[in-house]
Structures are given as structure tokens and as C-alpha cells.
PDB file of N, CA and C in Angstrom:
ATOM      1  N   MET A   1     -96.052 -64.869  36.320  1.00  0.00           N
ATOM      2  CA  MET A   1     -96.672 -65.259  37.570  1.00  0.00           C
ATOM      3  C   MET A   1     -97.179 -66.700  37.423  1.00  0.00           C
ATOM      4  N   THR A   2     -96.817 -67.539  38.371  1.00  0.00           N
ATOM      5  CA  THR A   2     -97.245 -68.927  38.372  1.00  0.00           C
ATOM      6  C   THR A   2     -98.529 -69.060  39.174  1.00  0.00           C
ATOM      7  N   ILE A   3     -99.504 -69.766  38.604  1.00  0.00           N
ATOM      8  CA  ILE A   3    -100.774 -70.006  39.286  1.00  0.00           C
ATOM      9  C   ILE A   3    -101.003 -71.513  39.357  1.00  0.00           C
ATOM     10  N   THR A   4    -101.296 -71.993  40.556  1.00  0.00           N
ATOM     11  CA  THR A   4    -101.644 -73.393  40.743  1.00  0.00           C
ATOM     12  C   THR A   4    -102.929 -73.453  41.550  1.00  0.00           C
ATOM     13  N   MET A   5    -103.880 -74.245  41.055  1.00  0.00           N
ATOM     14  CA  MET A   5    -105.136 -74.462  41.762  1.00  0.00           C
ATOM     15  C   MET A   5    -105.109 -75.865  42.371  1.00  0.00           C
ATOM     16  N   TYR A   6    -105.484 -75.948  43.648  1.00  0.00           N
ATOM     17  CA  TYR A   6    -105.531 -77.215  44.369  1.00  0.00           C
ATOM     18  C   TYR A   6    -106.982 -77.542  44.705  1.00  0.00           C
ATOM     19  N   GLY A   7    -107.354 -78.802  44.502  1.00  0.00           N
ATOM     20  CA  GLY A   7    -108.702 -79.227  44.836  1.00  0.00           C
ATOM     21  C   GLY A   7    -108.981 -80.608  44.281  1.00  0.00           C
ATOM     22  N   ILE A   8    -110.266 -80.869  44.034  1.00  0.00           N
ATOM     23  CA  ILE A   8    -110.683 -82.135  43.433  1.00  0.00           C
ATOM     24  C   ILE A   8    -111.569 -81.825  42.235  1.00  0.00           C
ATOM     25  N   THR A   9    -111.490 -82.653  41.231  1.00  0.00           N
ATOM     26  CA  THR A   9    -112.179 -82.368  39.964  1.00  0.00           C
ATOM     27  C   THR A   9    -113.693 -82.379  40.079  1.00  0.00           C
ATOM     28  N   THR A  10    -114.247 -83.094  41.048  1.00  0.00           N
ATOM     29  CA  THR A  10    -115.699 -83.212  41.148  1.00  0.00           C
ATOM     30  C   THR A  10    -116.356 -82.072  41.916  1.00  0.00           C
ATOM     31  N   CYS A  11    -115.587 -81.169  42.473  1.00  0.00           N
ATOM     32  CA  CYS A  11    -116.117 -80.068  43.281  1.00  0.00           C
ATOM     33  C   CYS A  11    -116.735 -78.987  42.388  1.00  0.00           C
ATOM     34  N   ASP A  12    -117.969 -78.596  42.689  1.00  0.00           N
ATOM     35  CA  ASP A  12    -118.651 -77.566  41.901  1.00  0.00           C
ATOM     36  C   ASP A  12    -117.946 -76.217  41.982  1.00  0.00           C
ATOM     37  N   THR A  13    -117.409 -75.881  43.146  1.00  0.00           N
ATOM     38  CA  THR A  13    -116.701 -74.603  43.294  1.00  0.00           C
ATOM     39  C   THR A  13    -115.426 -74.605  42.463  1.00  0.00           C
ATOM     40  N   ILE A  14    -114.745 -75.742  42.411  1.00  0.00           N
ATOM     41  CA  ILE A  14    -113.558 -75.871  41.561  1.00  0.00           C
ATOM     42  C   ILE A  14    -113.953 -75.633  40.104  1.00  0.00           C
ATOM     43  N   LYS A  15    -115.044 -76.240  39.694  1.00  0.00           N
ATOM     44  CA  LYS A  15    -115.500 -76.079  38.305  1.00  0.00           C
ATOM     45  C   LYS A  15    -115.762 -74.610  37.983  1.00  0.00           C
ATOM     46  N   LYS A  16    -116.412 -73.889  38.891  1.00  0.00           N
ATOM     47  CA  LYS A  16    -116.693 -72.461  38.684  1.00  0.00           C
ATOM     48  C   LYS A  16    -115.392 -71.663  38.596  1.00  0.00           C
ATOM     49  N   ALA A  17    -114.461 -71.953  39.490  1.00  0.00           N
ATOM     50  CA  ALA A  17    -113.180 -71.230  39.502  1.00  0.00           C
ATOM     51  C   ALA A  17    -112.390 -71.510  38.227  1.00  0.00           C
ATOM     52  N   ARG A  18    -112.416 -72.747  37.754  1.00  0.00           N
ATOM     53  CA  ARG A  18    -111.696 -73.092  36.520  1.00  0.00           C
ATOM     54  C   ARG A  18    -112.306 -72.366  35.325  1.00  0.00           C
ATOM     55  N   VAL A  19    -113.635 -72.319  35.270  1.00  0.00           N
ATOM     56  CA  VAL A  19    -114.312 -71.602  34.186  1.00  0.00           C
ATOM     57  C   VAL A  19    -113.917 -70.123  34.228  1.00  0.00           C
ATOM     58  N   TRP A  20    -113.863 -69.543  35.436  1.00  0.00           N
ATOM     59  CA  TRP A  20    -113.491 -68.139  35.562  1.00  0.00           C
ATOM     60  C   TRP A  20    -112.060 -67.924  35.051  1.00  0.00           C
ATOM     61  N   LEU A  21    -111.124 -68.751  35.517  1.00  0.00           N
ATOM     62  CA  LEU A  21    -109.724 -68.603  35.105  1.00  0.00           C
ATOM     63  C   LEU A  21    -109.585 -68.745  33.591  1.00  0.00           C
ATOM     64  N   GLU A  22    -110.213 -69.758  33.037  1.00  0.00           N
ATOM     65  CA  GLU A  22    -110.113 -69.980  31.593  1.00  0.00           C
ATOM     66  C   GLU A  22    -110.780 -68.848  30.820  1.00  0.00           C
ATOM     67  N   GLY A  23    -111.879 -68.317  31.337  1.00  0.00           N
ATOM     68  CA  GLY A  23    -112.555 -67.189  30.697  1.00  0.00           C
ATOM     69  C   GLY A  23    -111.754 -65.903  30.747  1.00  0.00           C
ATOM     70  N   HIS A  24    -110.795 -65.849  31.657  1.00  0.00           N
ATOM     71  CA  HIS A  24    -109.926 -64.669  31.787  1.00  0.00           C
ATOM     72  C   HIS A  24    -108.513 -64.952  31.272  1.00  0.00           C
ATOM     73  N   ASP A  25    -108.414 -66.005  30.471  1.00  0.00           N
ATOM     74  CA  ASP A  25    -107.137 -66.382  29.834  1.00  0.00           C
ATOM     75  C   ASP A  25    -105.990 -66.537  30.826  1.00  0.00           C
ATOM     76  N   ALA A  26    -106.301 -66.978  32.033  1.00  0.00           N
ATOM     77  CA  ALA A  26    -105.262 -67.198  33.039  1.00  0.00           C
ATOM     78  C   ALA A  26    -104.677 -68.597  32.844  1.00  0.00           C
ATOM     79  N   VAL A  27    -103.370 -68.659  32.745  1.00  0.00           N
ATOM     80  CA  VAL A  27    -102.688 -69.944  32.609  1.00  0.00           C
ATOM     81  C   VAL A  27    -102.425 -70.464  34.018  1.00  0.00           C
ATOM     82  N   TYR A  28    -102.883 -71.685  34.272  1.00  0.00           N
ATOM     83  CA  TYR A  28    -102.719 -72.260  35.602  1.00  0.00           C
ATOM     84  C   TYR A  28    -102.518 -73.766  35.491  1.00  0.00           C
ATOM     85  N   ARG A  29    -102.025 -74.334  36.574  1.00  0.00           N
ATOM     86  CA  ARG A  29    -101.889 -75.785  36.682  1.00  0.00           C
ATOM     87  C   ARG A  29    -102.891 -76.244  37.727  1.00  0.00           C
ATOM     88  N   PHE A  30    -103.560 -77.359  37.454  1.00  0.00           N
ATOM     89  CA  PHE A  30    -104.503 -77.919  38.416  1.00  0.00           C
ATOM     90  C   PHE A  30    -103.851 -79.096  39.135  1.00  0.00           C
ATOM     91  N   HIS A  31    -103.918 -79.080  40.457  1.00  0.00           N
ATOM     92  CA  HIS A  31    -103.361 -80.151  41.292  1.00  0.00           C
ATOM     93  C   HIS A  31    -104.534 -80.836  41.991  1.00  0.00           C
ATOM     94  N   ASP A  32    -104.793 -82.069  41.610  1.00  0.00           N
ATOM     95  CA  ASP A  32    -105.894 -82.838  42.192  1.00  0.00           C
ATOM     96  C   ASP A  32    -105.379 -83.585  43.422  1.00  0.00           C
ATOM     97  N   TYR A  33    -105.950 -83.234  44.598  1.00  0.00           N
ATOM     98  CA  TYR A  33    -105.536 -83.885  45.842  1.00  0.00           C
ATOM     99  C   TYR A  33    -105.680 -85.399  45.775  1.00  0.00           C
ATOM    100  N   ARG A  34    -106.743 -85.860  45.157  1.00  0.00           N
ATOM    101  CA  ARG A  34    -106.990 -87.307  45.132  1.00  0.00           C
ATOM    102  C   ARG A  34    -105.940 -88.037  44.305  1.00  0.00           C
ATOM    103  N   ALA A  35    -105.522 -87.435  43.214  1.00  0.00           N
ATOM    104  CA  ALA A  35    -104.549 -88.086  42.333  1.00  0.00           C
ATOM    105  C   ALA A  35    -103.104 -87.831  42.780  1.00  0.00           C
ATOM    106  N   GLU A  36    -102.828 -86.616  43.254  1.00  0.00           N
ATOM    107  CA  GLU A  36    -101.452 -86.218  43.537  1.00  0.00           C
ATOM    108  C   GLU A  36    -101.130 -86.068  45.021  1.00  0.00           C
ATOM    109  N   GLY A  37    -102.144 -86.116  45.880  1.00  0.00           N
ATOM    110  CA  GLY A  37    -101.906 -85.956  47.307  1.00  0.00           C
ATOM    111  C   GLY A  37    -101.516 -84.532  47.671  1.00  0.00           C
ATOM    112  N   LEU A  38    -101.050 -84.368  48.890  1.00  0.00           N
ATOM    113  CA  LEU A  38    -100.622 -83.057  49.389  1.00  0.00           C
ATOM    114  C   LEU A  38     -99.512 -83.291  50.402  1.00  0.00           C
ATOM    115  N   ASP A  39     -98.425 -82.549  50.267  1.00  0.00           N
ATOM    116  CA  ASP A  39     -97.310 -82.750  51.193  1.00  0.00           C
ATOM    117  C   ASP A  39     -97.397 -81.783  52.377  1.00  0.00           C
ATOM    118  N   ALA A  40     -96.828 -82.223  53.472  1.00  0.00           N
ATOM    119  CA  ALA A  40     -96.885 -81.470  54.733  1.00  0.00           C
ATOM    120  C   ALA A  40     -96.237 -80.097  54.613  1.00  0.00           C
ATOM    121  N   LYS A  41     -95.167 -79.993  53.856  1.00  0.00           N
ATOM    122  CA  LYS A  41     -94.467 -78.710  53.721  1.00  0.00           C
ATOM    123  C   LYS A  41     -95.377 -77.658  53.070  1.00  0.00           C
ATOM    124  N   ARG A  42     -96.093 -78.054  52.040  1.00  0.00           N
ATOM    125  CA  ARG A  42     -96.994 -77.115  51.359  1.00  0.00           C
ATOM    126  C   ARG A  42     -98.126 -76.705  52.302  1.00  0.00           C
ATOM    127  N   LEU A  43     -98.721 -77.688  52.995  1.00  0.00           N
ATOM    128  CA  LEU A  43     -99.795 -77.373  53.934  1.00  0.00           C
ATOM    129  C   LEU A  43     -99.286 -76.449  55.042  1.00  0.00           C
ATOM    130  N   ASP A  44     -98.086 -76.701  55.551  1.00  0.00           N
ATOM    131  CA  ASP A  44     -97.501 -75.821  56.573  1.00  0.00           C
ATOM    132  C   ASP A  44     -97.391 -74.387  56.053  1.00  0.00           C
ATOM    133  N   GLY A  45     -96.980 -74.243  54.793  1.00  0.00           N
ATOM    134  CA  GLY A  45     -96.872 -72.912  54.192  1.00  0.00           C
ATOM    135  C   GLY A  45     -98.217 -72.215  54.123  1.00  0.00           C
ATOM    136  N   TRP A  46     -99.239 -72.952  53.716  1.00  0.00           N
ATOM    137  CA  TRP A  46    -100.585 -72.368  53.649  1.00  0.00           C
ATOM    138  C   TRP A  46    -101.071 -71.960  55.039  1.00  0.00           C
ATOM    139  N   VAL A  47    -100.885 -72.856  56.002  1.00  0.00           N
ATOM    140  CA  VAL A  47    -101.321 -72.566  57.370  1.00  0.00           C
ATOM    141  C   VAL A  47    -100.597 -71.325  57.898  1.00  0.00           C
ATOM    142  N   GLY A  48     -99.317 -71.196  57.569  1.00  0.00           N
ATOM    143  CA  GLY A  48     -98.550 -70.029  57.994  1.00  0.00           C
ATOM    144  C   GLY A  48     -99.073 -68.737  57.390  1.00  0.00           C
ATOM    145  N   LYS A  49     -99.648 -68.812  56.191  1.00  0.00           N
ATOM    146  CA  LYS A  49    -100.139 -67.602  55.519  1.00  0.00           C
ATOM    147  C   LYS A  49    -101.598 -67.274  55.833  1.00  0.00           C
ATOM    148  N   VAL A  50    -102.457 -68.287  55.920  1.00  0.00           N
ATOM    149  CA  VAL A  50    -103.885 -67.992  56.103  1.00  0.00           C
ATOM    150  C   VAL A  50    -104.487 -68.584  57.372  1.00  0.00           C
ATOM    151  N   GLY A  51    -103.777 -69.508  58.021  1.00  0.00           N
ATOM    152  CA  GLY A  51    -104.282 -70.127  59.244  1.00  0.00           C
ATOM    153  C   GLY A  51    -105.076 -71.398  58.972  1.00  0.00           C
ATOM    154  N   TRP A  52    -104.971 -72.352  59.881  1.00  0.00           N
ATOM    155  CA  TRP A  52    -105.659 -73.628  59.698  1.00  0.00           C
ATOM    156  C   TRP A  52    -107.168 -73.472  59.757  1.00  0.00           C
ATOM    157  N   GLU A  53    -107.653 -72.482  60.506  1.00  0.00           N
ATOM    158  CA  GLU A  53    -109.087 -72.277  60.648  1.00  0.00           C
ATOM    159  C   GLU A  53    -109.739 -71.908  59.312  1.00  0.00           C
ATOM    160  N   ILE A  54    -109.012 -71.189  58.476  1.00  0.00           N
ATOM    161  CA  ILE A  54    -109.513 -70.825  57.146  1.00  0.00           C
ATOM    162  C   ILE A  54    -109.494 -72.042  56.224  1.00  0.00           C
ATOM    163  N   LEU A  55    -108.470 -72.859  56.335  1.00  0.00           N
ATOM    164  CA  LEU A  55    -108.301 -73.995  55.427  1.00  0.00           C
ATOM    165  C   LEU A  55    -109.217 -75.175  55.735  1.00  0.00           C
ATOM    166  N   LEU A  56    -109.482 -75.440  56.998  1.00  0.00           N
ATOM    167  CA  LEU A  56    -110.271 -76.611  57.369  1.00  0.00           C
ATOM    168  C   LEU A  56    -111.748 -76.342  57.107  1.00  0.00           C
ATOM    169  N   ASN A  57    -112.342 -77.149  56.242  1.00  0.00           N
ATOM    170  CA  ASN A  57    -113.749 -76.989  55.892  1.00  0.00           C
ATOM    171  C   ASN A  57    -114.603 -77.888  56.787  1.00  0.00           C
ATOM    172  N   LYS A  58    -115.098 -77.303  57.861  1.00  0.00           N
ATOM    173  CA  LYS A  58    -115.905 -78.072  58.810  1.00  0.00           C
ATOM    174  C   LYS A  58    -117.270 -78.441  58.245  1.00  0.00           C
ATOM    175  N   ALA A  59    -117.659 -77.812  57.146  1.00  0.00           N
ATOM    176  CA  ALA A  59    -118.943 -78.127  56.516  1.00  0.00           C
ATOM    177  C   ALA A  59    -118.815 -79.276  55.507  1.00  0.00           C
ATOM    178  N   SER A  60    -117.591 -79.713  55.243  1.00  0.00           N
ATOM    179  CA  SER A  60    -117.397 -80.771  54.245  1.00  0.00           C
ATOM    180  C   SER A  60    -117.972 -82.097  54.728  1.00  0.00           C
ATOM    181  N   THR A  61    -118.401 -82.899  53.793  1.00  0.00           N
ATOM    182  CA  THR A  61    -118.908 -84.230  54.110  1.00  0.00           C
ATOM    183  C   THR A  61    -117.841 -85.034  54.841  1.00  0.00           C
ATOM    184  N   THR A  62    -116.611 -84.932  54.391  1.00  0.00           N
ATOM    185  CA  THR A  62    -115.511 -85.688  55.004  1.00  0.00           C
ATOM    186  C   THR A  62    -115.364 -85.327  56.479  1.00  0.00           C
ATOM    187  N   PHE A  63    -115.405 -84.040  56.794  1.00  0.00           N
ATOM    188  CA  PHE A  63    -115.272 -83.613  58.187  1.00  0.00           C
ATOM    189  C   PHE A  63    -116.476 -84.061  59.006  1.00  0.00           C
ATOM    190  N   ARG A  64    -117.664 -83.869  58.473  1.00  0.00           N
ATOM    191  CA  ARG A  64    -118.885 -84.237  59.210  1.00  0.00           C
ATOM    192  C   ARG A  64    -118.947 -85.727  59.503  1.00  0.00           C
ATOM    193  N   GLU A  65    -118.328 -86.541  58.648  1.00  0.00           N
ATOM    194  CA  GLU A  65    -118.355 -87.992  58.844  1.00  0.00           C
ATOM    195  C   GLU A  65    -117.299 -88.485  59.839  1.00  0.00           C
ATOM    196  N   LEU A  66    -116.437 -87.587  60.299  1.00  0.00           N
ATOM    197  CA  LEU A  66    -115.435 -87.976  61.301  1.00  0.00           C
ATOM    198  C   LEU A  66    -116.107 -88.372  62.604  1.00  0.00           C
ATOM    199  N   ALA A  67    -115.450 -89.230  63.343  1.00  0.00           N
ATOM    200  CA  ALA A  67    -115.919 -89.572  64.689  1.00  0.00           C
ATOM    201  C   ALA A  67    -115.830 -88.315  65.556  1.00  0.00           C
ATOM    202  N   ASP A  68    -116.749 -88.196  66.500  1.00  0.00           N
ATOM    203  CA  ASP A  68    -116.771 -87.017  67.372  1.00  0.00           C
ATOM    204  C   ASP A  68    -115.435 -86.794  68.064  1.00  0.00           C
ATOM    205  N   LYS A  69    -114.749 -87.866  68.453  1.00  0.00           N
ATOM    206  CA  LYS A  69    -113.462 -87.722  69.147  1.00  0.00           C
ATOM    207  C   LYS A  69    -112.431 -87.022  68.261  1.00  0.00           C
ATOM    208  N   ASP A  70    -112.540 -87.190  66.941  1.00  0.00           N
ATOM    209  CA  ASP A  70    -111.597 -86.544  66.034  1.00  0.00           C
ATOM    210  C   ASP A  70    -111.912 -85.062  65.832  1.00  0.00           C
ATOM    211  N   LYS A  71    -113.157 -84.671  66.093  1.00  0.00           N
ATOM    212  CA  LYS A  71    -113.569 -83.272  65.919  1.00  0.00           C
ATOM    213  C   LYS A  71    -113.317 -82.441  67.175  1.00  0.00           C
ATOM    214  N   LEU A  72    -113.235 -83.097  68.310  1.00  0.00           N
ATOM    215  CA  LEU A  72    -113.067 -82.381  69.575  1.00  0.00           C
ATOM    216  C   LEU A  72    -111.619 -81.949  69.782  1.00  0.00           C
ATOM    217  N   GLY A  73    -111.452 -80.809  70.423  1.00  0.00           N
ATOM    218  CA  GLY A  73    -110.115 -80.338  70.773  1.00  0.00           C
ATOM    219  C   GLY A  73    -109.249 -80.004  69.576  1.00  0.00           C
ATOM    220  N   LEU A  74    -109.878 -79.494  68.526  1.00  0.00           N
ATOM    221  CA  LEU A  74    -109.098 -79.158  67.332  1.00  0.00           C
ATOM    222  C   LEU A  74    -108.105 -78.046  67.624  1.00  0.00           C
ATOM    223  N   ASP A  75    -106.888 -78.264  67.214  1.00  0.00           N
ATOM    224  CA  ASP A  75    -105.859 -77.249  67.249  1.00  0.00           C
ATOM    225  C   ASP A  75    -105.093 -77.366  65.931  1.00  0.00           C
ATOM    226  N   GLU A  76    -104.073 -76.558  65.762  1.00  0.00           N
ATOM    227  CA  GLU A  76    -103.346 -76.554  64.491  1.00  0.00           C
ATOM    228  C   GLU A  76    -102.763 -77.925  64.155  1.00  0.00           C
ATOM    229  N   LYS A  77    -102.134 -78.555  65.124  1.00  0.00           N
ATOM    230  CA  LYS A  77    -101.491 -79.851  64.878  1.00  0.00           C
ATOM    231  C   LYS A  77    -102.514 -80.906  64.454  1.00  0.00           C
ATOM    232  N   LYS A  78    -103.605 -80.982  65.177  1.00  0.00           N
ATOM    233  CA  LYS A  78    -104.643 -81.973  64.871  1.00  0.00           C
ATOM    234  C   LYS A  78    -105.301 -81.664  63.524  1.00  0.00           C
ATOM    235  N   ALA A  79    -105.590 -80.396  63.272  1.00  0.00           N
ATOM    236  CA  ALA A  79    -106.226 -80.003  62.011  1.00  0.00           C
ATOM    237  C   ALA A  79    -105.320 -80.327  60.820  1.00  0.00           C
ATOM    238  N   LYS A  80    -104.027 -80.051  60.953  1.00  0.00           N
ATOM    239  CA  LYS A  80    -103.102 -80.365  59.847  1.00  0.00           C
ATOM    240  C   LYS A  80    -103.036 -81.868  59.606  1.00  0.00           C
ATOM    241  N   ALA A  81    -103.010 -82.653  60.662  1.00  0.00           N
ATOM    242  CA  ALA A  81    -102.980 -84.113  60.513  1.00  0.00           C
ATOM    243  C   ALA A  81    -104.235 -84.596  59.789  1.00  0.00           C
ATOM    244  N   LEU A  82    -105.378 -84.045  60.151  1.00  0.00           N
ATOM    245  CA  LEU A  82    -106.630 -84.421  59.487  1.00  0.00           C
ATOM    246  C   LEU A  82    -106.608 -84.040  58.006  1.00  0.00           C
ATOM    247  N   MET A  83    -106.155 -82.827  57.711  1.00  0.00           N
ATOM    248  CA  MET A  83    -106.134 -82.360  56.318  1.00  0.00           C
ATOM    249  C   MET A  83    -105.145 -83.148  55.472  1.00  0.00           C
ATOM    250  N   LEU A  84    -104.017 -83.546  56.059  1.00  0.00           N
ATOM    251  CA  LEU A  84    -103.057 -84.353  55.313  1.00  0.00           C
ATOM    252  C   LEU A  84    -103.602 -85.762  55.062  1.00  0.00           C
ATOM    253  N   ALA A  85    -104.298 -86.306  56.047  1.00  0.00           N
ATOM    254  CA  ALA A  85    -104.858 -87.644  55.903  1.00  0.00           C
ATOM    255  C   ALA A  85    -106.017 -87.649  54.906  1.00  0.00           C
ATOM    256  N   LYS A  86    -106.804 -86.574  54.899  1.00  0.00           N
ATOM    257  CA  LYS A  86    -107.979 -86.476  54.030  1.00  0.00           C
ATOM    258  C   LYS A  86    -108.048 -85.062  53.455  1.00  0.00           C
ATOM    259  N   PRO A  87    -107.305 -84.796  52.387  1.00  0.00           N
ATOM    260  CA  PRO A  87    -107.256 -83.442  51.824  1.00  0.00           C
ATOM    261  C   PRO A  87    -108.609 -82.892  51.371  1.00  0.00           C
ATOM    262  N   THR A  88    -109.610 -83.754  51.219  1.00  0.00           N
ATOM    263  CA  THR A  88    -110.928 -83.243  50.833  1.00  0.00           C
ATOM    264  C   THR A  88    -111.559 -82.409  51.949  1.00  0.00           C
ATOM    265  N   MET A  89    -110.931 -82.368  53.133  1.00  0.00           N
ATOM    266  CA  MET A  89    -111.394 -81.499  54.215  1.00  0.00           C
ATOM    267  C   MET A  89    -110.916 -80.059  54.040  1.00  0.00           C
ATOM    268  N   ILE A  90    -110.055 -79.831  53.074  1.00  0.00           N
ATOM    269  CA  ILE A  90    -109.529 -78.484  52.840  1.00  0.00           C
ATOM    270  C   ILE A  90    -110.525 -77.719  51.974  1.00  0.00           C
ATOM    271  N   LYS A  91    -110.824 -76.481  52.377  1.00  0.00           N
ATOM    272  CA  LYS A  91    -111.725 -75.642  51.587  1.00  0.00           C
ATOM    273  C   LYS A  91    -111.176 -75.533  50.178  1.00  0.00           C
ATOM    274  N   ARG A  92    -112.086 -75.453  49.231  1.00  0.00           N
ATOM    275  CA  ARG A  92    -111.683 -75.438  47.832  1.00  0.00           C
ATOM    276  C   ARG A  92    -112.258 -74.231  47.119  1.00  0.00           C
ATOM    277  N   PRO A  93    -111.503 -73.829  46.102  1.00  0.00           N
ATOM    278  CA  PRO A  93    -110.130 -74.199  45.798  1.00  0.00           C
ATOM    279  C   PRO A  93    -109.132 -73.436  46.665  1.00  0.00           C
ATOM    280  N   VAL A  94    -107.915 -73.955  46.683  1.00  0.00           N
ATOM    281  CA  VAL A  94    -106.787 -73.183  47.193  1.00  0.00           C
ATOM    282  C   VAL A  94    -106.017 -72.779  45.944  1.00  0.00           C
ATOM    283  N   LEU A  95    -105.821 -71.488  45.784  1.00  0.00           N
ATOM    284  CA  LEU A  95    -105.136 -70.964  44.604  1.00  0.00           C
ATOM    285  C   LEU A  95    -103.840 -70.298  45.041  1.00  0.00           C
ATOM    286  N   GLU A  96    -102.735 -70.802  44.524  1.00  0.00           N
ATOM    287  CA  GLU A  96    -101.443 -70.156  44.744  1.00  0.00           C
ATOM    288  C   GLU A  96    -101.217 -69.222  43.557  1.00  0.00           C
ATOM    289  N   VAL A  97    -101.105 -67.956  43.852  1.00  0.00           N
ATOM    290  CA  VAL A  97    -100.841 -66.946  42.829  1.00  0.00           C
ATOM    291  C   VAL A  97     -99.538 -66.273  43.222  1.00  0.00           C
ATOM    292  N   GLY A  98     -98.445 -66.700  42.593  1.00  0.00           N
ATOM    293  CA  GLY A  98     -97.146 -66.226  43.035  1.00  0.00           C
ATOM    294  C   GLY A  98     -96.935 -66.674  44.472  1.00  0.00           C
ATOM    295  N   ASP A  99     -96.757 -65.711  45.390  1.00  0.00           N
ATOM    296  CA  ASP A  99     -96.567 -66.080  46.797  1.00  0.00           C
ATOM    297  C   ASP A  99     -97.832 -65.880  47.628  1.00  0.00           C
ATOM    298  N   ARG A 100     -98.947 -65.570  46.960  1.00  0.00           N
ATOM    299  CA  ARG A 100    -100.227 -65.383  47.655  1.00  0.00           C
ATOM    300  C   ARG A 100    -101.024 -66.681  47.680  1.00  0.00           C
ATOM    301  N   ILE A 101    -101.870 -66.814  48.688  1.00  0.00           N
ATOM    302  CA  ILE A 101    -102.762 -67.961  48.821  1.00  0.00           C
ATOM    303  C   ILE A 101    -104.188 -67.431  48.893  1.00  0.00           C
ATOM    304  N   LEU A 102    -105.040 -67.908  47.996  1.00  0.00           N
ATOM    305  CA  LEU A 102    -106.461 -67.571  48.028  1.00  0.00           C
ATOM    306  C   LEU A 102    -107.224 -68.847  48.351  1.00  0.00           C
ATOM    307  N   VAL A 103    -108.165 -68.760  49.288  1.00  0.00           N
ATOM    308  CA  VAL A 103    -108.949 -69.931  49.680  1.00  0.00           C
ATOM    309  C   VAL A 103    -110.410 -69.655  49.346  1.00  0.00           C
ATOM    310  N   GLY A 104    -111.014 -70.572  48.601  1.00  0.00           N
ATOM    311  CA  GLY A 104    -112.385 -70.384  48.147  1.00  0.00           C
ATOM    312  C   GLY A 104    -112.395 -69.634  46.832  1.00  0.00           C
ATOM    313  N   PHE A 105    -113.579 -69.476  46.267  1.00  0.00           N
ATOM    314  CA  PHE A 105    -113.690 -68.779  44.987  1.00  0.00           C
ATOM    315  C   PHE A 105    -114.610 -67.577  45.128  1.00  0.00           C
ATOM    316  N   LYS A 106    -114.027 -66.409  44.911  1.00  0.00           N
ATOM    317  CA  LYS A 106    -114.775 -65.154  44.855  1.00  0.00           C
ATOM    318  C   LYS A 106    -114.258 -64.417  43.632  1.00  0.00           C
ATOM    319  N   PRO A 107    -115.105 -64.222  42.620  1.00  0.00           N
ATOM    320  CA  PRO A 107    -114.636 -63.590  41.381  1.00  0.00           C
ATOM    321  C   PRO A 107    -113.915 -62.260  41.587  1.00  0.00           C
ATOM    322  N   ASP A 108    -114.397 -61.425  42.508  1.00  0.00           N
ATOM    323  CA  ASP A 108    -113.752 -60.127  42.708  1.00  0.00           C
ATOM    324  C   ASP A 108    -112.341 -60.278  43.275  1.00  0.00           C
ATOM    325  N   VAL A 109    -112.144 -61.272  44.139  1.00  0.00           N
ATOM    326  CA  VAL A 109    -110.819 -61.521  44.698  1.00  0.00           C
ATOM    327  C   VAL A 109    -109.894 -62.080  43.607  1.00  0.00           C
ATOM    328  N   TYR A 110    -110.422 -62.980  42.785  1.00  0.00           N
ATOM    329  CA  TYR A 110    -109.641 -63.517  41.677  1.00  0.00           C
ATOM    330  C   TYR A 110    -109.252 -62.409  40.713  1.00  0.00           C
ATOM    331  N   GLU A 111    -110.189 -61.503  40.430  1.00  0.00           N
ATOM    332  CA  GLU A 111    -109.924 -60.388  39.509  1.00  0.00           C
ATOM    333  C   GLU A 111    -108.765 -59.550  40.012  1.00  0.00           C
ATOM    334  N   GLU A 112    -108.771 -59.265  41.314  1.00  0.00           N
ATOM    335  CA  GLU A 112    -107.721 -58.434  41.902  1.00  0.00           C
ATOM    336  C   GLU A 112    -106.374 -59.171  41.872  1.00  0.00           C
ATOM    337  N   ALA A 113    -106.383 -60.471  42.157  1.00  0.00           N
ATOM    338  CA  ALA A 113    -105.130 -61.232  42.265  1.00  0.00           C
ATOM    339  C   ALA A 113    -104.585 -61.687  40.924  1.00  0.00           C
ATOM    340  N   VAL A 114    -105.479 -62.067  40.022  1.00  0.00           N
ATOM    341  CA  VAL A 114    -105.056 -62.671  38.763  1.00  0.00           C
ATOM    342  C   VAL A 114    -105.161 -61.693  37.610  1.00  0.00           C
ATOM    343  N   GLY A 115    -106.110 -60.785  37.704  1.00  0.00           N
ATOM    344  CA  GLY A 115    -106.347 -59.874  36.599  1.00  0.00           C
ATOM    345  C   GLY A 115    -107.299 -60.499  35.615  1.00  0.00           C
ATOM    346  N   GLY A 116    -107.442 -59.888  34.532  1.00  0.00           N
ATOM    347  CA  GLY A 116    -108.376 -60.396  33.538  1.00  0.00           C
ATOM    348  C   GLY A 116    -107.981 -59.988  32.157  1.00  0.00           C
ATOM    349  N   LYS A 117    -108.932 -60.160  31.284  1.00  0.00           N
ATOM    350  CA  LYS A 117    -108.682 -59.852  29.869  1.00  0.00           C
ATOM    351  C   LYS A 117    -108.435 -58.380  29.671  1.00  0.00           C
TER     352      LYS A 117
END
């Protein structure tokens, strides 16, 4: 099973999720949005599986700093454009576990999806 974690290295939730994965001997690859970016095809796949509303982090500093005109009238197309332009607006982490997508970090959900020692 291939596991890839998407996020940014400075995020506290990412740090917690990485500690959990490493503590459970899970082999994974980390994809840093800031260093590696994010392609539209991958984001489209995530949106198709979990929905843009789950992925867009409206509580993020990046989102809150947007001009009001950019926050109004959000729909899938606009939300995807925003997330591609500024991936730090995506809730973290996004974990690809095989063909599953997990958004955010919840140890019980990780345990069920990834397993443990």
C-alpha cells in the first residue's frame, strides 16, 4: 500500500500526523506543497472523492487574508482555483492511502486506514 502525505513542513497538525505514522512504522512519502506545488489533476481527484468543501480550509490564515471579493460566491471552480494558486488553503494533512483520501489528522481514522504495529 502506497501512502503519501501532502502538506507543509511548518504545520503543527502535519508534525503530529508524521509522528503518528512513524510511531506506527508506516512507510510514507511527504509532499510539501511549498516545495513541490500541486497539480490540477490531483486536486480534481481529491475533490471528486471528498468534495471541495472538505478540502478548503476557511480557517487558514491564507484564506482569511484573501480579499472579500475572492471569498464571496465560492463554488467548486473558484475554490479549486484558489487552492491551486495557494495550496496552503487546503486542510492538512491530506493523506493518500492507496485509493483513499483522508483529510485532517484523527488517530482513530489513521489506525483504521493505515493500521499499526
